[in-house]
């Protein structure tokens, strides 16, 4: 199970990276177009809309991998002086609380998706349906929920960790 979650999170992050690279190129092209507006060029129509949706999607796609790599910010001022048992409890408690946050985000993304789809709301310039962004973010949010749940089950001994996976951050300890 953890192998599947690990691979899905990795591919999700790579997809988010490709998306962010494409958005960066879009912004560069749009800025160059704006600077040459005197010779008939101009900005990419809807560039703000695409960047707004795309960055949100990329963030949701990055987060599960960030968690698996221990990339979230931590405060180790007191934590490093605690016993191993207390550290395990704090990790488990923080993971359960984060799973609750992920579940809340997923629920609200689903509600937003249903609302935007039912009302057929679109962006102003491109007339792109807003539910598309919600649907893509929802994929990342579901993966985030599965990632946290899998790791919680592993901490409780209900799921077997995959020793072949390399984890560089504190999540692997």
C-alpha atoms as a PDB file:
ATOM      1  CA  UNK A   1       0.000   0.000   0.000  1.00  0.00           C
ATOM      2  CA  UNK A   2       2.701   2.501   0.960  1.00  0.00           C
ATOM      3  CA  UNK A   3       4.597   1.724  -2.233  1.00  0.00           C
ATOM      4  CA  UNK A   4       1.535   2.667  -4.293  1.00  0.00           C
ATOM      5  CA  UNK A   5       0.969   5.846  -2.243  1.00  0.00           C
ATOM      6  CA  UNK A   6       4.637   6.780  -2.532  1.00  0.00           C
ATOM      7  CA  UNK A   7       4.631   6.346  -6.321  1.00  0.00           C
ATOM      8  CA  UNK A   8       1.354   8.238  -6.746  1.00  0.00           C
ATOM      9  CA  UNK A   9       2.631  11.132  -4.630  1.00  0.00           C
ATOM     10  CA  UNK A  10       5.878  11.229  -6.603  1.00  0.00           C
ATOM     11  CA  UNK A  11       4.083  11.302  -9.959  1.00  0.00           C
ATOM     12  CA  UNK A  12       1.680  13.902  -8.640  1.00  0.00           C
ATOM     13  CA  UNK A  13       4.594  16.135  -7.619  1.00  0.00           C
ATOM     14  CA  UNK A  14       6.285  15.651 -10.987  1.00  0.00           C
ATOM     15  CA  UNK A  15       3.028  16.585 -12.726  1.00  0.00           C
ATOM     16  CA  UNK A  16       2.782  19.669 -10.521  1.00  0.00           C
ATOM     17  CA  UNK A  17       6.363  20.562 -11.440  1.00  0.00           C
ATOM     18  CA  UNK A  18       5.649  20.283 -15.161  1.00  0.00           C
ATOM     19  CA  UNK A  19       2.526  22.400 -14.704  1.00  0.00           C
ATOM     20  CA  UNK A  20       4.435  25.057 -12.764  1.00  0.00           C
ATOM     21  CA  UNK A  21       7.158  25.112 -15.440  1.00  0.00           C
ATOM     22  CA  UNK A  22       4.534  25.613 -18.143  1.00  0.00           C
ATOM     23  CA  UNK A  23       2.936  28.422 -16.142  1.00  0.00           C
ATOM     24  CA  UNK A  24       6.325  30.092 -15.735  1.00  0.00           C
ATOM     25  CA  UNK A  25       6.877  29.972 -19.490  1.00  0.00           C
ATOM     26  CA  UNK A  26       3.376  31.364 -20.012  1.00  0.00           C
ATOM     27  CA  UNK A  27       4.146  34.326 -17.751  1.00  0.00           C
ATOM     28  CA  UNK A  28       7.469  34.980 -19.519  1.00  0.00           C
ATOM     29  CA  UNK A  29       5.781  34.910 -22.931  1.00  0.00           C
ATOM     30  CA  UNK A  30       3.009  37.173 -21.667  1.00  0.00           C
ATOM     31  CA  UNK A  31       5.459  39.703 -20.200  1.00  0.00           C
ATOM     32  CA  UNK A  32       7.493  39.729 -23.416  1.00  0.00           C
ATOM     33  CA  UNK A  33       4.284  40.229 -25.363  1.00  0.00           C
ATOM     34  CA  UNK A  34       3.322  43.173 -23.134  1.00  0.00           C
ATOM     35  CA  UNK A  35       6.717  44.794 -23.633  1.00  0.00           C
ATOM     36  CA  UNK A  36       6.313  44.592 -27.414  1.00  0.00           C
ATOM     37  CA  UNK A  37       2.735  45.846 -27.484  1.00  0.00           C
ATOM     38  CA  UNK A  38       3.898  48.799 -29.609  1.00  0.00           C
ATOM     39  CA  UNK A  39       4.701  46.488 -32.510  1.00  0.00           C
ATOM     40  CA  UNK A  40       1.440  44.566 -32.456  1.00  0.00           C
ATOM     41  CA  UNK A  41       2.149  41.929 -29.819  1.00  0.00           C
ATOM     42  CA  UNK A  42       0.379  41.734 -26.491  1.00  0.00           C
ATOM     43  CA  UNK A  43      -0.088  39.654 -23.387  1.00  0.00           C
ATOM     44  CA  UNK A  44      -1.397  36.114 -23.531  1.00  0.00           C
ATOM     45  CA  UNK A  45      -5.181  36.402 -23.137  1.00  0.00           C
ATOM     46  CA  UNK A  46      -6.291  34.963 -19.806  1.00  0.00           C
ATOM     47  CA  UNK A  47      -2.788  34.548 -18.425  1.00  0.00           C
ATOM     48  CA  UNK A  48      -3.889  35.621 -14.943  1.00  0.00           C
ATOM     49  CA  UNK A  49      -6.737  33.119 -14.986  1.00  0.00           C
ATOM     50  CA  UNK A  50      -4.481  30.266 -16.074  1.00  0.00           C
ATOM     51  CA  UNK A  51      -1.826  31.102 -13.486  1.00  0.00           C
ATOM     52  CA  UNK A  52      -4.402  31.466 -10.714  1.00  0.00           C
ATOM     53  CA  UNK A  53      -5.906  28.039 -11.342  1.00  0.00           C
ATOM     54  CA  UNK A  54      -2.633  26.342 -12.272  1.00  0.00           C
ATOM     55  CA  UNK A  55      -0.716  27.391  -9.160  1.00  0.00           C
ATOM     56  CA  UNK A  56      -3.516  26.126  -6.920  1.00  0.00           C
ATOM     57  CA  UNK A  57      -3.494  22.785  -8.719  1.00  0.00           C
ATOM     58  CA  UNK A  58       0.308  22.550  -8.528  1.00  0.00           C
ATOM     59  CA  UNK A  59       0.273  23.184  -4.768  1.00  0.00           C
ATOM     60  CA  UNK A  60      -2.257  20.415  -4.159  1.00  0.00           C
ATOM     61  CA  UNK A  61      -0.192  18.099  -6.366  1.00  0.00           C
ATOM     62  CA  UNK A  62       3.029  18.903  -4.433  1.00  0.00           C
ATOM     63  CA  UNK A  63       1.722  18.516  -0.888  1.00  0.00           C
ATOM     64  CA  UNK A  64       1.536  14.697  -0.561  1.00  0.00           C
ATOM     65  CA  UNK A  65       5.141  14.328  -1.768  1.00  0.00           C
ATOM     66  CA  UNK A  66       6.243  17.156   0.506  1.00  0.00           C
ATOM     67  CA  UNK A  67       4.724  15.295   3.458  1.00  0.00           C
ATOM     68  CA  UNK A  68       6.314  11.975   2.523  1.00  0.00           C
ATOM     69  CA  UNK A  69       9.713  13.665   2.253  1.00  0.00           C
ATOM     70  CA  UNK A  70       9.345  15.430   5.605  1.00  0.00           C
ATOM     71  CA  UNK A  71       9.338  18.801   3.884  1.00  0.00           C
ATOM     72  CA  UNK A  72       6.796  20.517   6.106  1.00  0.00           C
ATOM     73  CA  UNK A  73       8.018  23.120   8.564  1.00  0.00           C
ATOM     74  CA  UNK A  74       8.672  21.821  12.056  1.00  0.00           C
ATOM     75  CA  UNK A  75       9.660  23.461  15.305  1.00  0.00           C
ATOM     76  CA  UNK A  76      12.280  21.324  17.012  1.00  0.00           C
ATOM     77  CA  UNK A  77      12.993  23.559  20.000  1.00  0.00           C
ATOM     78  CA  UNK A  78      11.387  21.203  22.527  1.00  0.00           C
ATOM     79  CA  UNK A  79      10.671  18.192  20.319  1.00  0.00           C
ATOM     80  CA  UNK A  80      14.282  17.022  20.112  1.00  0.00           C
ATOM     81  CA  UNK A  81      14.522  16.912  23.935  1.00  0.00           C
ATOM     82  CA  UNK A  82      11.438  14.689  24.344  1.00  0.00           C
ATOM     83  CA  UNK A  83      11.479  10.953  24.803  1.00  0.00           C
ATOM     84  CA  UNK A  84      11.106   8.722  21.740  1.00  0.00           C
ATOM     85  CA  UNK A  85       7.640   7.611  22.861  1.00  0.00           C
ATOM     86  CA  UNK A  86       6.428  11.186  23.250  1.00  0.00           C
ATOM     87  CA  UNK A  87       7.897  12.073  19.854  1.00  0.00           C
ATOM     88  CA  UNK A  88       5.980   9.170  18.255  1.00  0.00           C
ATOM     89  CA  UNK A  89       2.784  10.312  19.964  1.00  0.00           C
ATOM     90  CA  UNK A  90       3.260  13.895  18.764  1.00  0.00           C
ATOM     91  CA  UNK A  91       3.920  12.698  15.200  1.00  0.00           C
ATOM     92  CA  UNK A  92       0.799  10.536  15.305  1.00  0.00           C
ATOM     93  CA  UNK A  93      -1.323  13.331  16.795  1.00  0.00           C
ATOM     94  CA  UNK A  94      -0.084  15.860  14.232  1.00  0.00           C
ATOM     95  CA  UNK A  95      -0.772  13.402  11.406  1.00  0.00           C
ATOM     96  CA  UNK A  96      -4.306  12.755  12.675  1.00  0.00           C
ATOM     97  CA  UNK A  97      -4.930  16.513  12.937  1.00  0.00           C
ATOM     98  CA  UNK A  98      -3.521  17.073   9.442  1.00  0.00           C
ATOM     99  CA  UNK A  99      -5.699  14.272   8.080  1.00  0.00           C
ATOM    100  CA  UNK A 100      -8.684  16.106   9.578  1.00  0.00           C
ATOM    101  CA  UNK A 101      -7.573  19.284   7.774  1.00  0.00           C
ATOM    102  CA  UNK A 102      -7.127  17.362   4.509  1.00  0.00           C
ATOM    103  CA  UNK A 103     -10.586  15.824   4.889  1.00  0.00           C
ATOM    104  CA  UNK A 104     -12.075  19.278   5.478  1.00  0.00           C
ATOM    105  CA  UNK A 105     -10.295  20.647   2.399  1.00  0.00           C
ATOM    106  CA  UNK A 106     -11.458  17.706   0.318  1.00  0.00           C
ATOM    107  CA  UNK A 107     -15.045  18.108   1.476  1.00  0.00           C
ATOM    108  CA  UNK A 108     -15.054  21.845   0.684  1.00  0.00           C
ATOM    109  CA  UNK A 109     -13.396  21.290  -2.693  1.00  0.00           C
ATOM    110  CA  UNK A 110     -16.109  18.750  -3.505  1.00  0.00           C
ATOM    111  CA  UNK A 111     -18.822  21.221  -2.428  1.00  0.00           C
ATOM    112  CA  UNK A 112     -17.209  23.942  -4.546  1.00  0.00           C
ATOM    113  CA  UNK A 113     -16.889  21.599  -7.516  1.00  0.00           C
ATOM    114  CA  UNK A 114     -20.570  20.650  -7.344  1.00  0.00           C
ATOM    115  CA  UNK A 115     -21.597  24.315  -6.985  1.00  0.00           C
ATOM    116  CA  UNK A 116     -19.406  25.585  -9.847  1.00  0.00           C
ATOM    117  CA  UNK A 117     -20.541  22.746 -12.094  1.00  0.00           C
ATOM    118  CA  UNK A 118     -24.231  23.245 -11.316  1.00  0.00           C
ATOM    119  CA  UNK A 119     -24.021  27.002 -11.935  1.00  0.00           C
ATOM    120  CA  UNK A 120     -21.727  26.648 -14.976  1.00  0.00           C
ATOM    121  CA  UNK A 121     -19.518  29.475 -13.700  1.00  0.00           C
ATOM    122  CA  UNK A 122     -16.619  30.402 -15.958  1.00  0.00           C
ATOM    123  CA  UNK A 123     -13.604  32.672 -15.898  1.00  0.00           C
ATOM    124  CA  UNK A 124     -14.072  36.151 -17.321  1.00  0.00           C
ATOM    125  CA  UNK A 125     -11.637  36.192 -20.231  1.00  0.00           C
ATOM    126  CA  UNK A 126     -11.215  32.579 -21.330  1.00  0.00           C
ATOM    127  CA  UNK A 127     -14.685  31.433 -20.307  1.00  0.00           C
ATOM    128  CA  UNK A 128     -12.977  28.381 -18.798  1.00  0.00           C
ATOM    129  CA  UNK A 129     -15.327  26.454 -16.478  1.00  0.00           C
ATOM    130  CA  UNK A 130     -14.294  27.036 -12.857  1.00  0.00           C
ATOM    131  CA  UNK A 131     -15.114  23.472 -11.900  1.00  0.00           C
ATOM    132  CA  UNK A 132     -12.080  22.263 -13.897  1.00  0.00           C
ATOM    133  CA  UNK A 133      -9.716  23.795 -11.343  1.00  0.00           C
ATOM    134  CA  UNK A 134     -11.755  22.434  -8.457  1.00  0.00           C
ATOM    135  CA  UNK A 135     -11.702  18.946  -9.989  1.00  0.00           C
ATOM    136  CA  UNK A 136      -7.918  18.964 -10.412  1.00  0.00           C
ATOM    137  CA  UNK A 137      -7.353  20.302  -6.893  1.00  0.00           C
ATOM    138  CA  UNK A 138      -9.714  17.620  -5.610  1.00  0.00           C
ATOM    139  CA  UNK A 139      -7.474  14.925  -7.108  1.00  0.00           C
ATOM    140  CA  UNK A 140      -4.512  16.287  -5.162  1.00  0.00           C
ATOM    141  CA  UNK A 141      -6.598  16.597  -2.000  1.00  0.00           C
ATOM    142  CA  UNK A 142      -7.786  12.985  -2.220  1.00  0.00           C
ATOM    143  CA  UNK A 143      -4.183  11.877  -2.672  1.00  0.00           C
ATOM    144  CA  UNK A 144      -3.255  13.978   0.366  1.00  0.00           C
ATOM    145  CA  UNK A 145      -5.940  12.223   2.444  1.00  0.00           C
ATOM    146  CA  UNK A 146      -4.791   8.799   1.280  1.00  0.00           C
ATOM    147  CA  UNK A 147      -1.162   9.689   2.004  1.00  0.00           C
ATOM    148  CA  UNK A 148      -1.853  10.802   5.573  1.00  0.00           C
ATOM    149  CA  UNK A 149      -4.196   7.878   6.216  1.00  0.00           C
ATOM    150  CA  UNK A 150      -1.640   5.376   4.915  1.00  0.00           C
ATOM    151  CA  UNK A 151       1.090   6.816   7.084  1.00  0.00           C
ATOM    152  CA  UNK A 152      -1.159   6.869  10.163  1.00  0.00           C
ATOM    153  CA  UNK A 153      -2.012   3.206   9.591  1.00  0.00           C
ATOM    154  CA  UNK A 154       1.689   2.476   9.238  1.00  0.00           C
ATOM    155  CA  UNK A 155       2.455   4.257  12.529  1.00  0.00           C
ATOM    156  CA  UNK A 156      -0.245   2.232  14.269  1.00  0.00           C
ATOM    157  CA  UNK A 157       1.172  -1.009  12.863  1.00  0.00           C
ATOM    158  CA  UNK A 158      -1.892  -1.635  10.688  1.00  0.00           C
ATOM    159  CA  UNK A 159      -0.006  -1.187   7.414  1.00  0.00           C
ATOM    160  CA  UNK A 160       3.400  -2.531   6.546  1.00  0.00           C
ATOM    161  CA  UNK A 161       6.090   0.032   5.704  1.00  0.00           C
ATOM    162  CA  UNK A 162       7.991  -0.564   2.488  1.00  0.00           C
ATOM    163  CA  UNK A 163      11.669  -0.651   3.400  1.00  0.00           C
ATOM    164  CA  UNK A 164      12.712  -0.205  -0.236  1.00  0.00           C
ATOM    165  CA  UNK A 165      11.387   3.365  -0.281  1.00  0.00           C
ATOM    166  CA  UNK A 166      13.893   6.074   0.516  1.00  0.00           C
ATOM    167  CA  UNK A 167      12.522   8.890   2.636  1.00  0.00           C
ATOM    168  CA  UNK A 168      14.846  11.802   3.270  1.00  0.00           C
ATOM    169  CA  UNK A 169      12.995  13.704   5.995  1.00  0.00           C
ATOM    170  CA  UNK A 170      11.806  13.106   9.545  1.00  0.00           C
ATOM    171  CA  UNK A 171       8.683  11.305   8.337  1.00  0.00           C
ATOM    172  CA  UNK A 172      10.710   8.149   7.870  1.00  0.00           C
ATOM    173  CA  UNK A 173      11.936   8.044  11.463  1.00  0.00           C
END
